[in-house]
């Protein structure tokens, strides 16, 4: 099963035992269903934290979010001049 890492690995300074390193936030990797139950459920692991999210869940969340279109504003440059009286 494809999962994406949360920032909990870095916050708690924990190394993943299967990867033998600290996964960065947003990194995708493959784990088993049993391992996902442990890492993806805060109540089932001793740290009480969610370390990974299912990649399919992330894709569904991003489909629901609408993006706002930002149109660039254009401004004309106005040269200011002052006359000096002698």
PDB file of N, CA and C in Angstrom:
ATOM      1  N   UNK A   1       0.846  -1.169   0.000  1.00  0.00           N
ATOM      2  CA  UNK A   1       0.000   0.000   0.000  1.00  0.00           C
ATOM      3  C   UNK A   1       0.897   1.239   0.000  1.00  0.00           C
ATOM      4  N   UNK A   2       0.577   2.173  -0.864  1.00  0.00           N
ATOM      5  CA  UNK A   2       1.336   3.429  -0.954  1.00  0.00           C
ATOM      6  C   UNK A   2       0.851   4.394   0.116  1.00  0.00           C
ATOM      7  N   UNK A   3       1.804   4.985   0.846  1.00  0.00           N
ATOM      8  CA  UNK A   3       1.484   5.962   1.885  1.00  0.00           C
ATOM      9  C   UNK A   3       2.366   7.178   1.725  1.00  0.00           C
ATOM     10  N   UNK A   4       1.957   8.251   2.405  1.00  0.00           N
ATOM     11  CA  UNK A   4       2.735   9.483   2.413  1.00  0.00           C
ATOM     12  C   UNK A   4       3.052   9.820   3.867  1.00  0.00           C
ATOM     13  N   UNK A   5       4.289  10.204   4.138  1.00  0.00           N
ATOM     14  CA  UNK A   5       4.737  10.467   5.505  1.00  0.00           C
ATOM     15  C   UNK A   5       4.251  11.832   5.992  1.00  0.00           C
ATOM     16  N   UNK A   6       3.885  11.892   7.277  1.00  0.00           N
ATOM     17  CA  UNK A   6       3.539  13.167   7.906  1.00  0.00           C
ATOM     18  C   UNK A   6       4.799  13.739   8.554  1.00  0.00           C
ATOM     19  N   UNK A   7       4.678  14.870   9.190  1.00  0.00           N
ATOM     20  CA  UNK A   7       5.845  15.506   9.812  1.00  0.00           C
ATOM     21  C   UNK A   7       6.180  14.928  11.188  1.00  0.00           C
ATOM     22  N   UNK A   8       5.448  13.931  11.670  1.00  0.00           N
ATOM     23  CA  UNK A   8       5.667  13.377  13.011  1.00  0.00           C
ATOM     24  C   UNK A   8       7.012  12.688  13.156  1.00  0.00           C
ATOM     25  N   UNK A   9       7.516  12.066  12.092  1.00  0.00           N
ATOM     26  CA  UNK A   9       8.832  11.439  12.166  1.00  0.00           C
ATOM     27  C   UNK A   9       9.895  12.478  12.528  1.00  0.00           C
ATOM     28  N   UNK A  10       9.845  13.620  11.860  1.00  0.00           N
ATOM     29  CA  UNK A  10      10.837  14.670  12.097  1.00  0.00           C
ATOM     30  C   UNK A  10      10.624  15.355  13.443  1.00  0.00           C
ATOM     31  N   UNK A  11       9.356  15.589  13.823  1.00  0.00           N
ATOM     32  CA  UNK A  11       9.068  16.242  15.106  1.00  0.00           C
ATOM     33  C   UNK A  11       9.576  15.417  16.285  1.00  0.00           C
ATOM     34  N   UNK A  12       9.354  14.105  16.216  1.00  0.00           N
ATOM     35  CA  UNK A  12       9.738  13.229  17.320  1.00  0.00           C
ATOM     36  C   UNK A  12      11.135  12.641  17.156  1.00  0.00           C
ATOM     37  N   UNK A  13      11.825  12.981  16.067  1.00  0.00           N
ATOM     38  CA  UNK A  13      13.179  12.491  15.779  1.00  0.00           C
ATOM     39  C   UNK A  13      13.230  10.971  15.816  1.00  0.00           C
ATOM     40  N   UNK A  14      12.315  10.339  15.065  1.00  0.00           N
ATOM     41  CA  UNK A  14      12.235   8.883  15.017  1.00  0.00           C
ATOM     42  C   UNK A  14      12.646   8.363  13.650  1.00  0.00           C
ATOM     43  N   UNK A  15      13.338   7.242  13.664  1.00  0.00           N
ATOM     44  CA  UNK A  15      13.772   6.580  12.443  1.00  0.00           C
ATOM     45  C   UNK A  15      12.827   5.422  12.181  1.00  0.00           C
ATOM     46  N   UNK A  16      12.370   5.286  10.941  1.00  0.00           N
ATOM     47  CA  UNK A  16      11.496   4.186  10.573  1.00  0.00           C
ATOM     48  C   UNK A  16      12.309   2.903  10.536  1.00  0.00           C
ATOM     49  N   UNK A  17      11.789   1.857  11.177  1.00  0.00           N
ATOM     50  CA  UNK A  17      12.553   0.618  11.287  1.00  0.00           C
ATOM     51  C   UNK A  17      12.684  -0.118   9.950  1.00  0.00           C
ATOM     52  N   UNK A  18      11.712  -0.011   9.068  1.00  0.00           N
ATOM     53  CA  UNK A  18      11.804  -0.675   7.766  1.00  0.00           C
ATOM     54  C   UNK A  18      12.668   0.109   6.787  1.00  0.00           C
ATOM     55  N   UNK A  19      12.558   1.436   6.814  1.00  0.00           N
ATOM     56  CA  UNK A  19      13.333   2.259   5.882  1.00  0.00           C
ATOM     57  C   UNK A  19      14.756   2.504   6.364  1.00  0.00           C
ATOM     58  N   UNK A  20      14.994   2.335   7.657  1.00  0.00           N
ATOM     59  CA  UNK A  20      16.298   2.573   8.282  1.00  0.00           C
ATOM     60  C   UNK A  20      16.758   4.028   8.158  1.00  0.00           C
ATOM     61  N   UNK A  21      15.772   4.943   8.145  1.00  0.00           N
ATOM     62  CA  UNK A  21      16.069   6.381   8.109  1.00  0.00           C
ATOM     63  C   UNK A  21      14.821   7.149   8.515  1.00  0.00           C
ATOM     64  N   UNK A  22      14.960   8.471   8.641  1.00  0.00           N
ATOM     65  CA  UNK A  22      13.829   9.326   8.998  1.00  0.00           C
ATOM     66  C   UNK A  22      13.177   9.820   7.709  1.00  0.00           C
ATOM     67  N   UNK A  23      11.931   9.414   7.430  1.00  0.00           N
ATOM     68  CA  UNK A  23      11.251   9.908   6.223  1.00  0.00           C
ATOM     69  C   UNK A  23      10.886  11.385   6.372  1.00  0.00           C
ATOM     70  N   UNK A  24      11.029  12.133   5.288  1.00  0.00           N
ATOM     71  CA  UNK A  24      10.674  13.544   5.323  1.00  0.00           C
ATOM     72  C   UNK A  24       9.181  13.703   5.072  1.00  0.00           C
ATOM     73  N   UNK A  25       8.644  14.828   5.465  1.00  0.00           N
ATOM     74  CA  UNK A  25       7.214  15.101   5.288  1.00  0.00           C
ATOM     75  C   UNK A  25       6.883  15.127   3.798  1.00  0.00           C
ATOM     76  N   UNK A  26       5.836  14.395   3.408  1.00  0.00           N
ATOM     77  CA  UNK A  26       5.413  14.350   2.026  1.00  0.00           C
ATOM     78  C   UNK A  26       6.047  13.241   1.209  1.00  0.00           C
ATOM     79  N   UNK A  27       6.995  12.513   1.785  1.00  0.00           N
ATOM     80  CA  UNK A  27       7.654  11.419   1.077  1.00  0.00           C
ATOM     81  C   UNK A  27       6.697  10.232   0.936  1.00  0.00           C
ATOM     82  N   UNK A  28       6.677   9.619  -0.227  1.00  0.00           N
ATOM     83  CA  UNK A  28       5.805   8.461  -0.447  1.00  0.00           C
ATOM     84  C   UNK A  28       6.642   7.190  -0.439  1.00  0.00           C
ATOM     85  N   UNK A  29       6.084   6.126   0.154  1.00  0.00           N
ATOM     86  CA  UNK A  29       6.738   4.832   0.180  1.00  0.00           C
ATOM     87  C   UNK A  29       5.700   3.740   0.377  1.00  0.00           C
ATOM     88  N   UNK A  30       6.122   2.500   0.245  1.00  0.00           N
ATOM     89  CA  UNK A  30       5.245   1.339   0.283  1.00  0.00           C
ATOM     90  C   UNK A  30       5.375   0.629   1.634  1.00  0.00           C
ATOM     91  N   UNK A  31       4.219   0.317   2.267  1.00  0.00           N
ATOM     92  CA  UNK A  31       4.202  -0.457   3.505  1.00  0.00           C
ATOM     93  C   UNK A  31       3.071  -1.484   3.442  1.00  0.00           C
ATOM     94  N   UNK A  32       3.091  -2.440   4.378  1.00  0.00           N
ATOM     95  CA  UNK A  32       2.054  -3.463   4.415  1.00  0.00           C
ATOM     96  C   UNK A  32       0.806  -2.931   5.124  1.00  0.00           C
ATOM     97  N   UNK A  33      -0.299  -3.657   4.957  1.00  0.00           N
ATOM     98  CA  UNK A  33      -1.563  -3.275   5.613  1.00  0.00           C
ATOM     99  C   UNK A  33      -1.412  -3.276   7.132  1.00  0.00           C
ATOM    100  N   UNK A  34      -0.740  -4.306   7.657  1.00  0.00           N
ATOM    101  CA  UNK A  34      -0.558  -4.433   9.104  1.00  0.00           C
ATOM    102  C   UNK A  34       0.249  -3.251   9.662  1.00  0.00           C
ATOM    103  N   UNK A  35       1.288  -2.883   8.928  1.00  0.00           N
ATOM    104  CA  UNK A  35       2.128  -1.752   9.360  1.00  0.00           C
ATOM    105  C   UNK A  35       1.353  -0.434   9.271  1.00  0.00           C
ATOM    106  N   UNK A  36       0.481  -0.315   8.253  1.00  0.00           N
ATOM    107  CA  UNK A  36      -0.336   0.890   8.129  1.00  0.00           C
ATOM    108  C   UNK A  36      -1.291   1.029   9.311  1.00  0.00           C
ATOM    109  N   UNK A  37      -1.842  -0.082   9.777  1.00  0.00           N
ATOM    110  CA  UNK A  37      -2.734  -0.036  10.937  1.00  0.00           C
ATOM    111  C   UNK A  37      -2.015   0.529  12.156  1.00  0.00           C
ATOM    112  N   UNK A  38      -0.734   0.218  12.300  1.00  0.00           N
ATOM    113  CA  UNK A  38       0.044   0.712  13.430  1.00  0.00           C
ATOM    114  C   UNK A  38       0.460   2.172  13.242  1.00  0.00           C
ATOM    115  N   UNK A  39       0.992   2.497  12.077  1.00  0.00           N
ATOM    116  CA  UNK A  39       1.508   3.853  11.842  1.00  0.00           C
ATOM    117  C   UNK A  39       0.428   4.865  11.504  1.00  0.00           C
ATOM    118  N   UNK A  40      -0.689   4.416  10.944  1.00  0.00           N
ATOM    119  CA  UNK A  40      -1.742   5.325  10.527  1.00  0.00           C
ATOM    120  C   UNK A  40      -2.810   5.571  11.576  1.00  0.00           C
ATOM    121  N   UNK A  41      -2.732   4.889  12.711  1.00  0.00           N
ATOM    122  CA  UNK A  41      -3.729   5.027  13.763  1.00  0.00           C
ATOM    123  C   UNK A  41      -3.042   5.469  15.058  1.00  0.00           C
ATOM    124  N   UNK A  42      -3.385   6.636  15.543  1.00  0.00           N
ATOM    125  CA  UNK A  42      -2.733   7.190  16.737  1.00  0.00           C
ATOM    126  C   UNK A  42      -3.015   6.371  17.997  1.00  0.00           C
ATOM    127  N   UNK A  43      -4.111   5.658  18.033  1.00  0.00           N
ATOM    128  CA  UNK A  43      -4.456   4.889  19.222  1.00  0.00           C
ATOM    129  C   UNK A  43      -3.715   3.564  19.298  1.00  0.00           C
ATOM    130  N   UNK A  44      -3.166   3.101  18.196  1.00  0.00           N
ATOM    131  CA  UNK A  44      -2.514   1.793  18.177  1.00  0.00           C
ATOM    132  C   UNK A  44      -1.008   1.843  18.312  1.00  0.00           C
ATOM    133  N   UNK A  45      -0.398   3.014  18.330  1.00  0.00           N
ATOM    134  CA  UNK A  45       1.051   3.066  18.500  1.00  0.00           C
ATOM    135  C   UNK A  45       1.398   3.786  19.807  1.00  0.00           C
ATOM    136  N   UNK A  46       2.545   3.494  20.389  1.00  0.00           N
ATOM    137  CA  UNK A  46       2.895   4.054  21.705  1.00  0.00           C
ATOM    138  C   UNK A  46       3.126   5.566  21.721  1.00  0.00           C
ATOM    139  N   UNK A  47       3.355   6.170  20.556  1.00  0.00           N
ATOM    140  CA  UNK A  47       3.612   7.613  20.499  1.00  0.00           C
ATOM    141  C   UNK A  47       2.339   8.433  20.366  1.00  0.00           C
ATOM    142  N   UNK A  48       1.208   7.772  20.146  1.00  0.00           N
ATOM    143  CA  UNK A  48      -0.089   8.447  19.989  1.00  0.00           C
ATOM    144  C   UNK A  48      -0.031   9.504  18.883  1.00  0.00           C
ATOM    145  N   UNK A  49       0.564   9.124  17.747  1.00  0.00           N
ATOM    146  CA  UNK A  49       0.710  10.049  16.623  1.00  0.00           C
ATOM    147  C   UNK A  49       0.446   9.312  15.319  1.00  0.00           C
ATOM    148  N   UNK A  50      -0.050  10.031  14.323  1.00  0.00           N
ATOM    149  CA  UNK A  50      -0.258   9.476  12.990  1.00  0.00           C
ATOM    150  C   UNK A  50       0.989   9.779  12.172  1.00  0.00           C
ATOM    151  N   UNK A  51       1.693   8.724  11.767  1.00  0.00           N
ATOM    152  CA  UNK A  51       2.944   8.895  11.042  1.00  0.00           C
ATOM    153  C   UNK A  51       2.771   8.880   9.530  1.00  0.00           C
ATOM    154  N   UNK A  52       1.739   8.194   9.034  1.00  0.00           N
ATOM    155  CA  UNK A  52       1.518   8.104   7.587  1.00  0.00           C
ATOM    156  C   UNK A  52       0.036   8.248   7.270  1.00  0.00           C
ATOM    157  N   UNK A  53      -0.228   8.659   6.033  1.00  0.00           N
ATOM    158  CA  UNK A  53      -1.594   8.715   5.518  1.00  0.00           C
ATOM    159  C   UNK A  53      -1.625   7.925   4.220  1.00  0.00           C
ATOM    160  N   UNK A  54      -2.758   7.310   3.948  1.00  0.00           N
ATOM    161  CA  UNK A  54      -2.934   6.537   2.717  1.00  0.00           C
ATOM    162  C   UNK A  54      -2.918   7.498   1.538  1.00  0.00           C
ATOM    163  N   UNK A  55      -2.210   7.157   0.496  1.00  0.00           N
ATOM    164  CA  UNK A  55      -2.055   8.036  -0.659  1.00  0.00           C
ATOM    165  C   UNK A  55      -3.389   8.286  -1.350  1.00  0.00           C
ATOM    166  N   UNK A  56      -4.285   7.299  -1.390  1.00  0.00           N
ATOM    167  CA  UNK A  56      -5.593   7.482  -2.022  1.00  0.00           C
ATOM    168  C   UNK A  56      -6.422   8.517  -1.265  1.00  0.00           C
ATOM    169  N   UNK A  57      -6.316   8.537   0.077  1.00  0.00           N
ATOM    170  CA  UNK A  57      -7.053   9.516   0.880  1.00  0.00           C
ATOM    171  C   UNK A  57      -6.581  10.927   0.573  1.00  0.00           C
ATOM    172  N   UNK A  58      -5.300  11.095   0.387  1.00  0.00           N
ATOM    173  CA  UNK A  58      -4.729  12.410   0.081  1.00  0.00           C
ATOM    174  C   UNK A  58      -5.252  12.894  -1.268  1.00  0.00           C
ATOM    175  N   UNK A  59      -5.313  12.003  -2.251  1.00  0.00           N
ATOM    176  CA  UNK A  59      -5.788  12.393  -3.578  1.00  0.00           C
ATOM    177  C   UNK A  59      -7.246  12.822  -3.523  1.00  0.00           C
ATOM    178  N   UNK A  60      -8.076  12.127  -2.734  1.00  0.00           N
ATOM    179  CA  UNK A  60      -9.481  12.489  -2.613  1.00  0.00           C
ATOM    180  C   UNK A  60      -9.640  13.857  -1.949  1.00  0.00           C
ATOM    181  N   UNK A  61      -8.822  14.143  -0.930  1.00  0.00           N
ATOM    182  CA  UNK A  61      -8.892  15.442  -0.246  1.00  0.00           C
ATOM    183  C   UNK A  61      -8.523  16.570  -1.195  1.00  0.00           C
ATOM    184  N   UNK A  62      -7.539  16.357  -2.044  1.00  0.00           N
ATOM    185  CA  UNK A  62      -7.117  17.426  -2.949  1.00  0.00           C
ATOM    186  C   UNK A  62      -8.135  17.657  -4.055  1.00  0.00           C
ATOM    187  N   UNK A  63      -8.928  16.648  -4.410  1.00  0.00           N
ATOM    188  CA  UNK A  63      -9.965  16.851  -5.408  1.00  0.00           C
ATOM    189  C   UNK A  63     -11.069  17.761  -4.874  1.00  0.00           C
ATOM    190  N   UNK A  64     -11.343  17.682  -3.571  1.00  0.00           N
ATOM    191  CA  UNK A  64     -12.412  18.467  -2.976  1.00  0.00           C
ATOM    192  C   UNK A  64     -12.043  19.936  -2.802  1.00  0.00           C
ATOM    193  N   UNK A  65     -10.787  20.235  -2.703  1.00  0.00           N
ATOM    194  CA  UNK A  65     -10.334  21.605  -2.472  1.00  0.00           C
ATOM    195  C   UNK A  65     -10.360  22.372  -3.787  1.00  0.00           C
ATOM    196  N   UNK A  66     -11.033  23.521  -3.774  1.00  0.00           N
ATOM    197  CA  UNK A  66     -11.061  24.364  -4.959  1.00  0.00           C
ATOM    198  C   UNK A  66      -9.935  25.380  -4.868  1.00  0.00           C
ATOM    199  N   UNK A  67      -9.320  25.627  -5.962  1.00  0.00           N
ATOM    200  CA  UNK A  67      -8.241  26.601  -5.969  1.00  0.00           C
ATOM    201  C   UNK A  67      -8.760  27.931  -6.483  1.00  0.00           C
ATOM    202  N   UNK A  68      -8.349  28.991  -5.837  1.00  0.00           N
ATOM    203  CA  UNK A  68      -8.750  30.332  -6.252  1.00  0.00           C
ATOM    204  C   UNK A  68      -7.783  30.816  -7.325  1.00  0.00           C
ATOM    205  N   UNK A  69      -8.328  31.444  -8.326  1.00  0.00           N
ATOM    206  CA  UNK A  69      -7.491  31.985  -9.381  1.00  0.00           C
ATOM    207  C   UNK A  69      -7.076  33.397  -8.992  1.00  0.00           C
ATOM    208  N   UNK A  70      -5.805  33.621  -9.062  1.00  0.00           N
ATOM    209  CA  UNK A  70      -5.290  34.938  -8.728  1.00  0.00           C
ATOM    210  C   UNK A  70      -4.827  35.607 -10.014  1.00  0.00           C
ATOM    211  N   UNK A  71      -5.488  36.721 -10.329  1.00  0.00           N
ATOM    212  CA  UNK A  71      -5.119  37.447 -11.522  1.00  0.00           C
ATOM    213  C   UNK A  71      -4.127  38.540 -11.151  1.00  0.00           C
ATOM    214  N   UNK A  72      -3.061  38.631 -11.882  1.00  0.00           N
ATOM    215  CA  UNK A  72      -2.051  39.636 -11.555  1.00  0.00           C
ATOM    216  C   UNK A  72      -2.580  41.048 -11.800  1.00  0.00           C
ATOM    217  N   UNK A  73      -2.265  41.931 -10.893  1.00  0.00           N
ATOM    218  CA  UNK A  73      -2.668  43.328 -11.037  1.00  0.00           C
ATOM    219  C   UNK A  73      -1.571  44.061 -11.790  1.00  0.00           C
ATOM    220  N   UNK A  74      -1.980  44.866 -12.731  1.00  0.00           N
ATOM    221  CA  UNK A  74      -1.009  45.651 -13.478  1.00  0.00           C
ATOM    222  C   UNK A  74      -1.167  47.111 -13.090  1.00  0.00           C
ATOM    223  N   UNK A  75      -0.057  47.728 -12.863  1.00  0.00           N
ATOM    224  CA  UNK A  75      -0.066  49.142 -12.489  1.00  0.00           C
ATOM    225  C   UNK A  75       0.827  49.891 -13.471  1.00  0.00           C
ATOM    226  N   UNK A  76       0.402  51.081 -13.768  1.00  0.00           N
ATOM    227  CA  UNK A  76       1.222  51.913 -14.632  1.00  0.00           C
ATOM    228  C   UNK A  76       2.178  52.711 -13.762  1.00  0.00           C
ATOM    229  N   UNK A  77       3.388  52.824 -14.226  1.00  0.00           N
ATOM    230  CA  UNK A  77       4.377  53.604 -13.505  1.00  0.00           C
ATOM    231  C   UNK A  77       4.140  55.083 -13.805  1.00  0.00           C
ATOM    232  N   UNK A  78       4.043  55.868 -12.751  1.00  0.00           N
ATOM    233  CA  UNK A  78       3.819  57.295 -12.900  1.00  0.00           C
ATOM    234  C   UNK A  78       5.084  58.004 -12.437  1.00  0.00           C
ATOM    235  N   UNK A  79       5.634  58.806 -13.323  1.00  0.00           N
ATOM    236  CA  UNK A  79       6.848  59.528 -12.981  1.00  0.00           C
ATOM    237  C   UNK A  79       6.451  60.846 -12.325  1.00  0.00           C
ATOM    238  N   UNK A  80       6.923  61.022 -11.116  1.00  0.00           N
ATOM    239  CA  UNK A  80       6.602  62.255 -10.406  1.00  0.00           C
ATOM    240  C   UNK A  80       7.724  63.264 -10.640  1.00  0.00           C
ATOM    241  N   UNK A  81       7.323  64.449 -11.027  1.00  0.00           N
ATOM    242  CA  UNK A  81       8.299  65.513 -11.255  1.00  0.00           C
ATOM    243  C   UNK A  81       7.888  66.736 -10.451  1.00  0.00           C
ATOM    244  N   UNK A  82       8.854  67.412  -9.969  1.00  0.00           N
ATOM    245  CA  UNK A  82       8.586  68.657  -9.251  1.00  0.00           C
ATOM    246  C   UNK A  82       9.442  69.760  -9.880  1.00  0.00           C
ATOM    247  N   UNK A  83       8.881  70.942  -9.921  1.00  0.00           N
ATOM    248  CA  UNK A  83       9.625  72.079 -10.452  1.00  0.00           C
ATOM    249  C   UNK A  83      10.217  72.842  -9.294  1.00  0.00           C
ATOM    250  N   UNK A  84      11.481  73.175  -9.437  1.00  0.00           N
ATOM    251  CA  UNK A  84      12.149  73.959  -8.420  1.00  0.00           C
ATOM    252  C   UNK A  84      12.151  75.413  -8.852  1.00  0.00           C
ATOM    253  N   UNK A  85      11.711  76.279  -7.980  1.00  0.00           N
ATOM    254  CA  UNK A  85      11.721  77.710  -8.271  1.00  0.00           C
ATOM    255  C   UNK A  85      13.033  78.306  -7.766  1.00  0.00           C
ATOM    256  N   UNK A  86      13.669  79.090  -8.631  1.00  0.00           N
ATOM    257  CA  UNK A  86      14.927  79.709  -8.238  1.00  0.00           C
ATOM    258  C   UNK A  86      14.733  81.114  -7.797  1.00  0.00           C
TER     259      UNK A  86
END
